Amino acid sequence: MTIEADIIKQKLPINNGGFKALKFGKTDEKMYTQLCSDHPIDLTRYQVINNYMGKIGLINSGGPSGKDDLAEVARTAVINKRAGGVGLISGRKSFQKPMKDGVKIFHTIQDVYLCKEISLA
């Protein structure tokens, strides 16, 4: 916000408890037990909240290229959209593949964000 960013890119969260691990700030155990779950949509929603309550859009990265990239991209895009994020960056997953496969990955991402049935959780 202070540098007037339009978007913030973060990896999809995989765990919770950053303040506890860093021993930083005042925390309460309820933050990690009663007030939050380990569900990926909940964890991603906290990323949106930390982006000035969504004033700066959250874009999750697609992660490293692997064996099941199409399914992983679809999963990440659905989690991001249902949590209130605004997009997905997919570089390596798309560009390190044959063009036909890369285009299919991009179309999958677009289909998730255009699908009206996939909405906020």
PDB file of N, CA and C in Angstrom:
ATOM      1  N   MET A   1       0.831  -1.184   0.000  1.00  0.00           N
ATOM      2  CA  MET A   1       0.000   0.000   0.000  1.00  0.00           C
ATOM      3  C   MET A   1       0.879   1.253   0.000  1.00  0.00           C
ATOM      4  N   THR A   2       1.938   1.199   0.773  1.00  0.00           N
ATOM      5  CA  THR A   2       2.786   2.385   0.863  1.00  0.00           C
ATOM      6  C   THR A   2       3.544   2.661  -0.434  1.00  0.00           C
ATOM      7  N   ILE A   3       3.768   1.635  -1.245  1.00  0.00           N
ATOM      8  CA  ILE A   3       4.422   1.867  -2.533  1.00  0.00           C
ATOM      9  C   ILE A   3       3.401   1.881  -3.663  1.00  0.00           C
ATOM     10  N   GLU A   4       2.125   1.940  -3.295  1.00  0.00           N
ATOM     11  CA  GLU A   4       1.008   2.021  -4.219  1.00  0.00           C
ATOM     12  C   GLU A   4       0.966   0.833  -5.186  1.00  0.00           C
ATOM     13  N   ALA A   5       1.171  -0.352  -4.642  1.00  0.00           N
ATOM     14  CA  ALA A   5       1.110  -1.569  -5.450  1.00  0.00           C
ATOM     15  C   ALA A   5      -0.329  -1.826  -5.890  1.00  0.00           C
ATOM     16  N   ASP A   6      -0.481  -2.351  -7.086  1.00  0.00           N
ATOM     17  CA  ASP A   6      -1.797  -2.718  -7.595  1.00  0.00           C
ATOM     18  C   ASP A   6      -2.183  -4.131  -7.183  1.00  0.00           C
ATOM     19  N   ILE A   7      -1.186  -4.993  -7.052  1.00  0.00           N
ATOM     20  CA  ILE A   7      -1.422  -6.375  -6.653  1.00  0.00           C
ATOM     21  C   ILE A   7      -0.314  -6.814  -5.700  1.00  0.00           C
ATOM     22  N   ILE A   8      -0.602  -7.867  -4.959  1.00  0.00           N
ATOM     23  CA  ILE A   8       0.408  -8.514  -4.131  1.00  0.00           C
ATOM     24  C   ILE A   8       0.405  -9.984  -4.496  1.00  0.00           C
ATOM     25  N   LYS A   9       1.582 -10.508  -4.830  1.00  0.00           N
ATOM     26  CA  LYS A   9       1.720 -11.916  -5.214  1.00  0.00           C
ATOM     27  C   LYS A   9       2.285 -12.682  -4.037  1.00  0.00           C
ATOM     28  N   GLN A  10       1.615 -13.767  -3.679  1.00  0.00           N
ATOM     29  CA  GLN A  10       2.095 -14.627  -2.601  1.00  0.00           C
ATOM     30  C   GLN A  10       1.893 -16.081  -2.996  1.00  0.00           C
ATOM     31  N   LYS A  11       2.699 -16.953  -2.417  1.00  0.00           N
ATOM     32  CA  LYS A  11       2.487 -18.376  -2.604  1.00  0.00           C
ATOM     33  C   LYS A  11       1.206 -18.772  -1.882  1.00  0.00           C
ATOM     34  N   LEU A  12       0.574 -19.831  -2.350  1.00  0.00           N
ATOM     35  CA  LEU A  12      -0.593 -20.364  -1.662  1.00  0.00           C
ATOM     36  C   LEU A  12      -0.148 -20.829  -0.278  1.00  0.00           C
ATOM     37  N   PRO A  13      -0.831 -20.406   0.786  1.00  0.00           N
ATOM     38  CA  PRO A  13      -0.394 -20.776   2.130  1.00  0.00           C
ATOM     39  C   PRO A  13      -0.570 -22.277   2.377  1.00  0.00           C
ATOM     40  N   ILE A  14       0.367 -22.845   3.109  1.00  0.00           N
ATOM     41  CA  ILE A  14       0.284 -24.272   3.404  1.00  0.00           C
ATOM     42  C   ILE A  14       0.219 -24.557   4.901  1.00  0.00           C
ATOM     43  N   ASN A  15       0.458 -23.543   5.726  1.00  0.00           N
ATOM     44  CA  ASN A  15       0.336 -23.748   7.168  1.00  0.00           C
ATOM     45  C   ASN A  15      -0.006 -22.436   7.845  1.00  0.00           C
ATOM     46  N   ASN A  16      -0.298 -22.525   9.117  1.00  0.00           N
ATOM     47  CA  ASN A  16      -0.680 -21.361   9.904  1.00  0.00           C
ATOM     48  C   ASN A  16       0.191 -21.335  11.155  1.00  0.00           C
ATOM     49  N   GLY A  17       0.404 -20.171  11.696  1.00  0.00           N
ATOM     50  CA  GLY A  17       1.171 -20.074  12.939  1.00  0.00           C
ATOM     51  C   GLY A  17       2.437 -19.275  12.798  1.00  0.00           C
ATOM     52  N   GLY A  18       2.465 -18.370  11.828  1.00  0.00           N
ATOM     53  CA  GLY A  18       3.666 -17.584  11.583  1.00  0.00           C
ATOM     54  C   GLY A  18       4.141 -16.787  12.779  1.00  0.00           C
ATOM     55  N   PHE A  19       3.231 -16.136  13.481  1.00  0.00           N
ATOM     56  CA  PHE A  19       3.635 -15.335  14.633  1.00  0.00           C
ATOM     57  C   PHE A  19       4.199 -16.221  15.742  1.00  0.00           C
ATOM     58  N   LYS A  20       3.599 -17.402  15.920  1.00  0.00           N
ATOM     59  CA  LYS A  20       4.112 -18.321  16.942  1.00  0.00           C
ATOM     60  C   LYS A  20       5.509 -18.792  16.578  1.00  0.00           C
ATOM     61  N   ALA A  21       5.718 -19.124  15.332  1.00  0.00           N
ATOM     62  CA  ALA A  21       7.025 -19.621  14.893  1.00  0.00           C
ATOM     63  C   ALA A  21       8.104 -18.553  15.029  1.00  0.00           C
ATOM     64  N   LEU A  22       7.742 -17.315  14.740  1.00  0.00           N
ATOM     65  CA  LEU A  22       8.712 -16.213  14.810  1.00  0.00           C
ATOM     66  C   LEU A  22       8.847 -15.635  16.215  1.00  0.00           C
ATOM     67  N   LYS A  23       7.912 -16.041  17.094  1.00  0.00           N
ATOM     68  CA  LYS A  23       7.851 -15.458  18.450  1.00  0.00           C
ATOM     69  C   LYS A  23       7.791 -13.933  18.347  1.00  0.00           C
ATOM     70  N   PHE A  24       6.867 -13.485  17.482  1.00  0.00           N
ATOM     71  CA  PHE A  24       6.732 -12.069  17.176  1.00  0.00           C
ATOM     72  C   PHE A  24       5.317 -11.618  17.501  1.00  0.00           C
ATOM     73  N   GLY A  25       5.186 -10.505  18.171  1.00  0.00           N
ATOM     74  CA  GLY A  25       3.876  -9.926  18.436  1.00  0.00           C
ATOM     75  C   GLY A  25       3.131 -10.645  19.550  1.00  0.00           C
ATOM     76  N   LYS A  26       2.041 -10.055  19.923  1.00  0.00           N
ATOM     77  CA  LYS A  26       1.183 -10.644  20.946  1.00  0.00           C
ATOM     78  C   LYS A  26       0.176 -11.549  20.255  1.00  0.00           C
ATOM     79  N   THR A  27       0.104 -12.768  20.709  1.00  0.00           N
ATOM     80  CA  THR A  27      -0.816 -13.721  20.104  1.00  0.00           C
ATOM     81  C   THR A  27      -1.600 -14.434  21.188  1.00  0.00           C
ATOM     82  N   ASP A  28      -2.645 -15.070  20.761  1.00  0.00           N
ATOM     83  CA  ASP A  28      -3.454 -15.907  21.637  1.00  0.00           C
ATOM     84  C   ASP A  28      -3.616 -17.244  20.929  1.00  0.00           C
ATOM     85  N   GLU A  29      -3.567 -18.325  21.659  1.00  0.00           N
ATOM     86  CA  GLU A  29      -3.681 -19.660  21.069  1.00  0.00           C
ATOM     87  C   GLU A  29      -4.979 -19.818  20.289  1.00  0.00           C
ATOM     88  N   LYS A  30      -6.032 -19.087  20.670  1.00  0.00           N
ATOM     89  CA  LYS A  30      -7.319 -19.168  19.967  1.00  0.00           C
ATOM     90  C   LYS A  30      -7.206 -18.740  18.508  1.00  0.00           C
ATOM     91  N   MET A  31      -6.198 -17.902  18.192  1.00  0.00           N
ATOM     92  CA  MET A  31      -5.990 -17.482  16.802  1.00  0.00           C
ATOM     93  C   MET A  31      -5.753 -18.685  15.903  1.00  0.00           C
ATOM     94  N   TYR A  32      -5.154 -19.723  16.453  1.00  0.00           N
ATOM     95  CA  TYR A  32      -4.757 -20.870  15.650  1.00  0.00           C
ATOM     96  C   TYR A  32      -5.615 -22.104  15.915  1.00  0.00           C
ATOM     97  N   THR A  33      -6.521 -22.014  16.883  1.00  0.00           N
ATOM     98  CA  THR A  33      -7.362 -23.170  17.199  1.00  0.00           C
ATOM     99  C   THR A  33      -8.837 -22.893  16.928  1.00  0.00           C
ATOM    100  N   GLN A  34      -9.402 -21.893  17.574  1.00  0.00           N
ATOM    101  CA  GLN A  34     -10.835 -21.617  17.469  1.00  0.00           C
ATOM    102  C   GLN A  34     -11.194 -20.633  16.367  1.00  0.00           C
ATOM    103  N   LEU A  35     -10.321 -19.703  16.058  1.00  0.00           N
ATOM    104  CA  LEU A  35     -10.657 -18.626  15.128  1.00  0.00           C
ATOM    105  C   LEU A  35     -10.216 -18.886  13.690  1.00  0.00           C
ATOM    106  N   CYS A  36      -9.478 -19.939  13.469  1.00  0.00           N
ATOM    107  CA  CYS A  36      -8.997 -20.238  12.128  1.00  0.00           C
ATOM    108  C   CYS A  36      -8.909 -21.748  11.957  1.00  0.00           C
ATOM    109  N   SER A  37      -9.053 -22.182  10.740  1.00  0.00           N
ATOM    110  CA  SER A  37      -8.898 -23.602  10.446  1.00  0.00           C
ATOM    111  C   SER A  37      -7.662 -23.798   9.574  1.00  0.00           C
ATOM    112  N   ASP A  38      -7.349 -25.029   9.293  1.00  0.00           N
ATOM    113  CA  ASP A  38      -6.233 -25.331   8.400  1.00  0.00           C
ATOM    114  C   ASP A  38      -6.680 -25.481   6.953  1.00  0.00           C
ATOM    115  N   HIS A  39      -7.930 -25.128   6.676  1.00  0.00           N
ATOM    116  CA  HIS A  39      -8.456 -25.250   5.315  1.00  0.00           C
ATOM    117  C   HIS A  39      -7.759 -24.220   4.421  1.00  0.00           C
ATOM    118  N   PRO A  40      -7.342 -24.614   3.223  1.00  0.00           N
ATOM    119  CA  PRO A  40      -6.608 -23.690   2.346  1.00  0.00           C
ATOM    120  C   PRO A  40      -7.373 -22.409   2.008  1.00  0.00           C
ATOM    121  N   ILE A  41      -8.698 -22.484   1.913  1.00  0.00           N
ATOM    122  CA  ILE A  41      -9.469 -21.271   1.617  1.00  0.00           C
ATOM    123  C   ILE A  41      -9.395 -20.305   2.790  1.00  0.00           C
ATOM    124  N   ASP A  42      -9.491 -20.814   4.014  1.00  0.00           N
ATOM    125  CA  ASP A  42      -9.371 -19.949   5.195  1.00  0.00           C
ATOM    126  C   ASP A  42      -7.993 -19.308   5.269  1.00  0.00           C
ATOM    127  N   LEU A  43      -6.956 -20.099   5.030  1.00  0.00           N
ATOM    128  CA  LEU A  43      -5.597 -19.551   5.089  1.00  0.00           C
ATOM    129  C   LEU A  43      -5.373 -18.504   4.002  1.00  0.00           C
ATOM    130  N   THR A  44      -5.918 -18.731   2.823  1.00  0.00           N
ATOM    131  CA  THR A  44      -5.792 -17.758   1.733  1.00  0.00           C
ATOM    132  C   THR A  44      -6.606 -16.506   2.035  1.00  0.00           C
ATOM    133  N   ARG A  45      -7.743 -16.689   2.686  1.00  0.00           N
ATOM    134  CA  ARG A  45      -8.563 -15.541   3.082  1.00  0.00           C
ATOM    135  C   ARG A  45      -7.783 -14.622   4.013  1.00  0.00           C
ATOM    136  N   TYR A  46      -6.950 -15.184   4.879  1.00  0.00           N
ATOM    137  CA  TYR A  46      -6.115 -14.350   5.745  1.00  0.00           C
ATOM    138  C   TYR A  46      -5.079 -13.579   4.934  1.00  0.00           C
ATOM    139  N   GLN A  47      -4.613 -14.133   3.824  1.00  0.00           N
ATOM    140  CA  GLN A  47      -3.718 -13.368   2.947  1.00  0.00           C
ATOM    141  C   GLN A  47      -4.464 -12.162   2.374  1.00  0.00           C
ATOM    142  N   VAL A  48      -5.709 -12.370   1.952  1.00  0.00           N
ATOM    143  CA  VAL A  48      -6.523 -11.272   1.414  1.00  0.00           C
ATOM    144  C   VAL A  48      -6.713 -10.202   2.487  1.00  0.00           C
ATOM    145  N   ILE A  49      -7.034 -10.630   3.686  1.00  0.00           N
ATOM    146  CA  ILE A  49      -7.239  -9.691   4.801  1.00  0.00           C
ATOM    147  C   ILE A  49      -5.965  -8.892   5.071  1.00  0.00           C
ATOM    148  N   ASN A  50      -4.823  -9.548   5.015  1.00  0.00           N
ATOM    149  CA  ASN A  50      -3.554  -8.867   5.270  1.00  0.00           C
ATOM    150  C   ASN A  50      -3.142  -7.925   4.141  1.00  0.00           C
ATOM    151  N   ASN A  51      -3.839  -7.968   3.029  1.00  0.00           N
ATOM    152  CA  ASN A  51      -3.597  -7.023   1.937  1.00  0.00           C
ATOM    153  C   ASN A  51      -4.551  -5.843   2.075  1.00  0.00           C
ATOM    154  N   TYR A  52      -4.565  -5.291   3.259  1.00  0.00           N
ATOM    155  CA  TYR A  52      -5.401  -4.124   3.554  1.00  0.00           C
ATOM    156  C   TYR A  52      -6.868  -4.408   3.245  1.00  0.00           C
ATOM    157  N   MET A  53      -7.330  -5.538   3.775  1.00  0.00           N
ATOM    158  CA  MET A  53      -8.732  -5.977   3.630  1.00  0.00           C
ATOM    159  C   MET A  53      -9.149  -6.035   2.164  1.00  0.00           C
ATOM    160  N   GLY A  54      -8.229  -6.463   1.323  1.00  0.00           N
ATOM    161  CA  GLY A  54      -8.539  -6.652  -0.088  1.00  0.00           C
ATOM    162  C   GLY A  54      -8.412  -5.408  -0.942  1.00  0.00           C
ATOM    163  N   LYS A  55      -7.978  -4.293  -0.363  1.00  0.00           N
ATOM    164  CA  LYS A  55      -7.815  -3.084  -1.177  1.00  0.00           C
ATOM    165  C   LYS A  55      -6.739  -3.280  -2.242  1.00  0.00           C
ATOM    166  N   ILE A  56      -5.771  -4.136  -1.936  1.00  0.00           N
ATOM    167  CA  ILE A  56      -4.780  -4.525  -2.924  1.00  0.00           C
ATOM    168  C   ILE A  56      -5.068  -5.984  -3.244  1.00  0.00           C
ATOM    169  N   GLY A  57      -5.269  -6.298  -4.516  1.00  0.00           N
ATOM    170  CA  GLY A  57      -5.663  -7.637  -4.920  1.00  0.00           C
ATOM    171  C   GLY A  57      -4.595  -8.680  -4.670  1.00  0.00           C
ATOM    172  N   LEU A  58      -5.015  -9.852  -4.214  1.00  0.00           N
ATOM    173  CA  LEU A  58      -4.113 -10.968  -3.991  1.00  0.00           C
ATOM    174  C   LEU A  58      -4.059 -11.854  -5.218  1.00  0.00           C
ATOM    175  N   ILE A  59      -2.853 -12.080  -5.701  1.00  0.00           N
ATOM    176  CA  ILE A  59      -2.625 -13.037  -6.775  1.00  0.00           C
ATOM    177  C   ILE A  59      -1.703 -14.105  -6.214  1.00  0.00           C
ATOM    178  N   ASN A  60      -2.144 -15.352  -6.279  1.00  0.00           N
ATOM    179  CA  ASN A  60      -1.295 -16.452  -5.815  1.00  0.00           C
ATOM    180  C   ASN A  60      -0.438 -16.955  -6.961  1.00  0.00           C
ATOM    181  N   SER A  61       0.767 -17.401  -6.625  1.00  0.00           N
ATOM    182  CA  SER A  61       1.634 -17.975  -7.644  1.00  0.00           C
ATOM    183  C   SER A  61       1.246 -19.429  -7.862  1.00  0.00           C
ATOM    184  N   GLY A  62       1.492 -19.904  -9.066  1.00  0.00           N
ATOM    185  CA  GLY A  62       1.126 -21.267  -9.418  1.00  0.00           C
ATOM    186  C   GLY A  62       2.061 -22.309  -8.859  1.00  0.00           C
ATOM    187  N   GLY A  63       3.228 -21.911  -8.396  1.00  0.00           N
ATOM    188  CA  GLY A  63       4.179 -22.851  -7.846  1.00  0.00           C
ATOM    189  C   GLY A  63       5.057 -23.473  -8.912  1.00  0.00           C
ATOM    190  N   PRO A  64       5.958 -24.355  -8.486  1.00  0.00           N
ATOM    191  CA  PRO A  64       6.887 -24.960  -9.452  1.00  0.00           C
ATOM    192  C   PRO A  64       6.184 -25.930 -10.388  1.00  0.00           C
ATOM    193  N   SER A  65       6.784 -26.138 -11.528  1.00  0.00           N
ATOM    194  CA  SER A  65       6.252 -27.068 -12.505  1.00  0.00           C
ATOM    195  C   SER A  65       6.430 -28.494 -11.990  1.00  0.00           C
ATOM    196  N   GLY A  66       5.431 -29.338 -12.257  1.00  0.00           N
ATOM    197  CA  GLY A  66       5.490 -30.716 -11.782  1.00  0.00           C
ATOM    198  C   GLY A  66       4.733 -31.657 -12.687  1.00  0.00           C
ATOM    199  N   LYS A  67       4.336 -32.804 -12.144  1.00  0.00           N
ATOM    200  CA  LYS A  67       3.691 -33.843 -12.948  1.00  0.00           C
ATOM    201  C   LYS A  67       2.223 -33.561 -13.238  1.00  0.00           C
ATOM    202  N   ASP A  68       1.487 -33.047 -12.260  1.00  0.00           N
ATOM    203  CA  ASP A  68       0.036 -32.862 -12.406  1.00  0.00           C
ATOM    204  C   ASP A  68      -0.322 -31.374 -12.399  1.00  0.00           C
ATOM    205  N   ASP A  69       0.306 -30.616 -13.295  1.00  0.00           N
ATOM    206  CA  ASP A  69       0.171 -29.164 -13.284  1.00  0.00           C
ATOM    207  C   ASP A  69      -1.245 -28.679 -13.551  1.00  0.00           C
ATOM    208  N   LEU A  70      -1.965 -29.311 -14.442  1.00  0.00           N
ATOM    209  CA  LEU A  70      -3.317 -28.855 -14.781  1.00  0.00           C
ATOM    210  C   LEU A  70      -4.228 -28.922 -13.558  1.00  0.00           C
ATOM    211  N   ALA A  71      -4.208 -30.019 -12.839  1.00  0.00           N
ATOM    212  CA  ALA A  71      -5.029 -30.160 -11.634  1.00  0.00           C
ATOM    213  C   ALA A  71      -4.584 -29.189 -10.551  1.00  0.00           C
ATOM    214  N   GLU A  72      -3.272 -29.006 -10.402  1.00  0.00           N
ATOM    215  CA  GLU A  72      -2.758 -28.100  -9.375  1.00  0.00           C
ATOM    216  C   GLU A  72      -3.141 -26.651  -9.666  1.00  0.00           C
ATOM    217  N   VAL A  73      -3.087 -26.256 -10.930  1.00  0.00           N
ATOM    218  CA  VAL A  73      -3.482 -24.900 -11.320  1.00  0.00           C
ATOM    219  C   VAL A  73      -4.972 -24.684 -11.053  1.00  0.00           C
ATOM    220  N   ALA A  74      -5.793 -25.655 -11.422  1.00  0.00           N
ATOM    221  CA  ALA A  74      -7.234 -25.533 -11.193  1.00  0.00           C
ATOM    222  C   ALA A  74      -7.528 -25.421  -9.697  1.00  0.00           C
ATOM    223  N   ARG A  75      -6.878 -26.237  -8.888  1.00  0.00           N
ATOM    224  CA  ARG A  75      -7.078 -26.207  -7.435  1.00  0.00           C
ATOM    225  C   ARG A  75      -6.674 -24.848  -6.861  1.00  0.00           C
ATOM    226  N   THR A  76      -5.504 -24.356  -7.239  1.00  0.00           N
ATOM    227  CA  THR A  76      -5.016 -23.071  -6.734  1.00  0.00           C
ATOM    228  C   THR A  76      -5.933 -21.925  -7.153  1.00  0.00           C
ATOM    229  N   ALA A  77      -6.397 -21.942  -8.392  1.00  0.00           N
ATOM    230  CA  ALA A  77      -7.288 -20.880  -8.875  1.00  0.00           C
ATOM    231  C   ALA A  77      -8.618 -20.899  -8.119  1.00  0.00           C
ATOM    232  N   VAL A  78      -9.168 -22.080  -7.877  1.00  0.00           N
ATOM    233  CA  VAL A  78     -10.430 -22.178  -7.141  1.00  0.00           C
ATOM    234  C   VAL A  78     -10.248 -21.674  -5.713  1.00  0.00           C
ATOM    235  N   ILE A  79      -9.164 -22.073  -5.058  1.00  0.00           N
ATOM    236  CA  ILE A  79      -8.907 -21.612  -3.685  1.00  0.00           C
ATOM    237  C   ILE A  79      -8.780 -20.096  -3.664  1.00  0.00           C
ATOM    238  N   ASN A  80      -7.997 -19.531  -4.591  1.00  0.00           N
ATOM    239  CA  ASN A  80      -7.800 -18.085  -4.638  1.00  0.00           C
ATOM    240  C   ASN A  80      -9.119 -17.361  -4.850  1.00  0.00           C
ATOM    241  N   LYS A  81      -9.908 -17.816  -5.795  1.00  0.00           N
ATOM    242  CA  LYS A  81     -11.175 -17.141  -6.099  1.00  0.00           C
ATOM    243  C   LYS A  81     -12.154 -17.246  -4.937  1.00  0.00           C
ATOM    244  N   ARG A  82     -12.271 -18.430  -4.342  1.00  0.00           N
ATOM    245  CA  ARG A  82     -13.228 -18.622  -3.242  1.00  0.00           C
ATOM    246  C   ARG A  82     -12.817 -17.848  -1.991  1.00  0.00           C
ATOM    247  N   ALA A  83     -11.516 -17.543  -1.859  1.00  0.00           N
ATOM    248  CA  ALA A  83     -11.038 -16.789  -0.701  1.00  0.00           C
ATOM    249  C   ALA A  83     -11.125 -15.282  -0.907  1.00  0.00           C
ATOM    250  N   GLY A  84     -11.416 -14.842  -2.135  1.00  0.00           N
ATOM    251  CA  GLY A  84     -11.511 -13.406  -2.403  1.00  0.00           C
ATOM    252  C   GLY A  84     -10.321 -12.852  -3.151  1.00  0.00           C
ATOM    253  N   GLY A  85      -9.429 -13.719  -3.610  1.00  0.00           N
ATOM    254  CA  GLY A  85      -8.294 -13.270  -4.407  1.00  0.00           C
ATOM    255  C   GLY A  85      -8.738 -12.845  -5.795  1.00  0.00           C
ATOM    256  N   VAL A  86      -7.791 -12.296  -6.550  1.00  0.00           N
ATOM    257  CA  VAL A  86      -8.154 -11.746  -7.858  1.00  0.00           C
ATOM    258  C   VAL A  86      -7.452 -12.419  -9.026  1.00  0.00           C
ATOM    259  N   GLY A  87      -6.605 -13.408  -8.763  1.00  0.00           N
ATOM    260  CA  GLY A  87      -5.961 -14.034  -9.898  1.00  0.00           C
ATOM    261  C   GLY A  87      -4.871 -15.003  -9.517  1.00  0.00           C
ATOM    262  N   LEU A  88      -4.277 -15.556 -10.549  1.00  0.00           N
ATOM    263  CA  LEU A  88      -3.238 -16.566 -10.406  1.00  0.00           C
ATOM    264  C   LEU A  88      -2.149 -16.290 -11.430  1.00  0.00           C
ATOM    265  N   ILE A  89      -0.918 -16.336 -10.982  1.00  0.00           N
ATOM    266  CA  ILE A  89       0.216 -16.175 -11.885  1.00  0.00           C
ATOM    267  C   ILE A  89       0.746 -17.561 -12.193  1.00  0.00           C
ATOM    268  N   SER A  90       0.855 -17.870 -13.457  1.00  0.00           N
ATOM    269  CA  SER A  90       1.331 -19.188 -13.866  1.00  0.00           C
ATOM    270  C   SER A  90       2.381 -19.024 -14.939  1.00  0.00           C
ATOM    271  N   GLY A  91       3.619 -18.957 -14.549  1.00  0.00           N
ATOM    272  CA  GLY A  91       4.690 -18.804 -15.514  1.00  0.00           C
ATOM    273  C   GLY A  91       5.294 -20.134 -15.897  1.00  0.00           C
ATOM    274  N   ARG A  92       6.062 -20.707 -14.961  1.00  0.00           N
ATOM    275  CA  ARG A  92       6.769 -21.951 -15.249  1.00  0.00           C
ATOM    276  C   ARG A  92       5.827 -23.079 -15.630  1.00  0.00           C
ATOM    277  N   LYS A  93       4.692 -23.168 -14.960  1.00  0.00           N
ATOM    278  CA  LYS A  93       3.762 -24.256 -15.249  1.00  0.00           C
ATOM    279  C   LYS A  93       3.293 -24.218 -16.703  1.00  0.00           C
ATOM    280  N   SER A  94       3.213 -23.048 -17.273  1.00  0.00           N
ATOM    281  CA  SER A  94       2.714 -22.906 -18.642  1.00  0.00           C
ATOM    282  C   SER A  94       3.830 -22.856 -19.670  1.00  0.00           C
ATOM    283  N   PHE A  95       4.859 -22.086 -19.393  1.00  0.00           N
ATOM    284  CA  PHE A  95       5.875 -21.824 -20.401  1.00  0.00           C
ATOM    285  C   PHE A  95       6.938 -22.911 -20.508  1.00  0.00           C
ATOM    286  N   GLN A  96       7.016 -23.823 -19.547  1.00  0.00           N
ATOM    287  CA  GLN A  96       7.971 -24.921 -19.645  1.00  0.00           C
ATOM    288  C   GLN A  96       7.334 -26.171 -20.240  1.00  0.00           C
ATOM    289  N   LYS A  97       6.180 -26.008 -20.830  1.00  0.00           N
ATOM    290  CA  LYS A  97       5.443 -27.118 -21.438  1.00  0.00           C
ATOM    291  C   LYS A  97       5.348 -26.876 -22.951  1.00  0.00           C
ATOM    292  N   PRO A  98       4.984 -27.917 -23.699  1.00  0.00           N
ATOM    293  CA  PRO A  98       4.654 -27.680 -25.106  1.00  0.00           C
ATOM    294  C   PRO A  98       3.514 -26.659 -25.197  1.00  0.00           C
ATOM    295  N   MET A  99       3.493 -25.893 -26.252  1.00  0.00           N
ATOM    296  CA  MET A  99       2.529 -24.793 -26.378  1.00  0.00           C
ATOM    297  C   MET A  99       1.096 -25.261 -26.155  1.00  0.00           C
ATOM    298  N   LYS A 100       0.724 -26.404 -26.694  1.00  0.00           N
ATOM    299  CA  LYS A 100      -0.642 -26.913 -26.552  1.00  0.00           C
ATOM    300  C   LYS A 100      -1.002 -27.116 -25.078  1.00  0.00           C
ATOM    301  N   ASP A 101      -0.084 -27.678 -24.307  1.00  0.00           N
ATOM    302  CA  ASP A 101      -0.328 -27.917 -22.882  1.00  0.00           C
ATOM    303  C   ASP A 101      -0.351 -26.601 -22.090  1.00  0.00           C
ATOM    304  N   GLY A 102       0.539 -25.671 -22.450  1.00  0.00           N
ATOM    305  CA  GLY A 102       0.562 -24.371 -21.777  1.00  0.00           C
ATOM    306  C   GLY A 102      -0.722 -23.593 -22.002  1.00  0.00           C
ATOM    307  N   VAL A 103      -1.235 -23.620 -23.216  1.00  0.00           N
ATOM    308  CA  VAL A 103      -2.493 -22.934 -23.535  1.00  0.00           C
ATOM    309  C   VAL A 103      -3.643 -23.569 -22.757  1.00  0.00           C
ATOM    310  N   LYS A 104      -3.617 -24.882 -22.630  1.00  0.00           N
ATOM    311  CA  LYS A 104      -4.655 -25.580 -21.863  1.00  0.00           C
ATOM    312  C   LYS A 104      -4.645 -25.142 -20.393  1.00  0.00           C
ATOM    313  N   ILE A 105      -3.455 -24.944 -19.840  1.00  0.00           N
ATOM    314  CA  ILE A 105      -3.346 -24.454 -18.459  1.00  0.00           C
ATOM    315  C   ILE A 105      -3.931 -23.055 -18.348  1.00  0.00           C
ATOM    316  N   PHE A 106      -3.588 -22.168 -19.282  1.00  0.00           N
ATOM    317  CA  PHE A 106      -4.139 -20.810 -19.255  1.00  0.00           C
ATOM    318  C   PHE A 106      -5.660 -20.825 -19.391  1.00  0.00           C
ATOM    319  N   HIS A 107      -6.191 -21.653 -20.263  1.00  0.00           N
ATOM    320  CA  HIS A 107      -7.644 -21.741 -20.430  1.00  0.00           C
ATOM    321  C   HIS A 107      -8.314 -22.250 -19.158  1.00  0.00           C
ATOM    322  N   THR A 108      -7.676 -23.185 -18.471  1.00  0.00           N
ATOM    323  CA  THR A 108      -8.225 -23.688 -17.214  1.00  0.00           C
ATOM    324  C   THR A 108      -8.320 -22.573 -16.180  1.00  0.00           C
ATOM    325  N   ILE A 109      -7.271 -21.772 -16.078  1.00  0.00           N
ATOM    326  CA  ILE A 109      -7.287 -20.638 -15.142  1.00  0.00           C
ATOM    327  C   ILE A 109      -8.407 -19.667 -15.515  1.00  0.00           C
ATOM    328  N   GLN A 110      -8.507 -19.329 -16.780  1.00  0.00           N
ATOM    329  CA  GLN A 110      -9.562 -18.405 -17.226  1.00  0.00           C
ATOM    330  C   GLN A 110     -10.940 -18.982 -16.933  1.00  0.00           C
ATOM    331  N   ASP A 111     -11.122 -20.255 -17.183  1.00  0.00           N
ATOM    332  CA  ASP A 111     -12.425 -20.885 -16.949  1.00  0.00           C
ATOM    333  C   ASP A 111     -12.843 -20.798 -15.486  1.00  0.00           C
ATOM    334  N   VAL A 112     -11.884 -20.967 -14.580  1.00  0.00           N
ATOM    335  CA  VAL A 112     -12.203 -20.868 -13.149  1.00  0.00           C
ATOM    336  C   VAL A 112     -12.698 -19.467 -12.819  1.00  0.00           C
ATOM    337  N   TYR A 113     -11.991 -18.449 -13.281  1.00  0.00           N
ATOM    338  CA  TYR A 113     -12.369 -17.074 -12.922  1.00  0.00           C
ATOM    339  C   TYR A 113     -13.612 -16.593 -13.666  1.00  0.00           C
ATOM    340  N   LEU A 114     -13.962 -17.207 -14.787  1.00  0.00           N
ATOM    341  CA  LEU A 114     -15.178 -16.834 -15.502  1.00  0.00           C
ATOM    342  C   LEU A 114     -16.402 -17.625 -15.028  1.00  0.00           C
ATOM    343  N   CYS A 115     -16.198 -18.716 -14.309  1.00  0.00           N
ATOM    344  CA  CYS A 115     -17.285 -19.582 -13.869  1.00  0.00           C
ATOM    345  C   CYS A 115     -18.068 -18.930 -12.725  1.00  0.00           C
ATOM    346  N   LYS A 116     -19.333 -18.674 -12.955  1.00  0.00           N
ATOM    347  CA  LYS A 116     -20.180 -18.026 -11.947  1.00  0.00           C
ATOM    348  C   LYS A 116     -20.516 -18.969 -10.785  1.00  0.00           C
ATOM    349  N   GLU A 117     -20.433 -20.280 -11.002  1.00  0.00           N
ATOM    350  CA  GLU A 117     -20.740 -21.238  -9.943  1.00  0.00           C
ATOM    351  C   GLU A 117     -19.650 -21.295  -8.873  1.00  0.00           C
ATOM    352  N   ILE A 118     -18.440 -20.877  -9.228  1.00  0.00           N
ATOM    353  CA  ILE A 118     -17.357 -20.811  -8.254  1.00  0.00           C
ATOM    354  C   ILE A 118     -17.366 -19.405  -7.673  1.00  0.00           C
ATOM    355  N   SER A 119     -17.774 -19.310  -6.425  1.00  0.00           N
ATOM    356  CA  SER A 119     -17.926 -17.981  -5.802  1.00  0.00           C
ATOM    357  C   SER A 119     -17.255 -17.982  -4.433  1.00  0.00           C
ATOM    358  N   LEU A 120     -17.371 -16.875  -3.725  1.00  0.00           N
ATOM    359  CA  LEU A 120     -16.792 -16.759  -2.397  1.00  0.00           C
ATOM    360  C   LEU A 120     -17.306 -17.867  -1.480  1.00  0.00           C
ATOM    361  N   ALA A 121     -16.397 -18.392  -0.691  1.00  0.00           N
ATOM    362  CA  ALA A 121     -16.774 -19.458   0.261  1.00  0.00           C
ATOM    363  C   ALA A 121     -17.365 -18.845   1.509  1.00  0.00           C
TER     364      ALA A 121
END
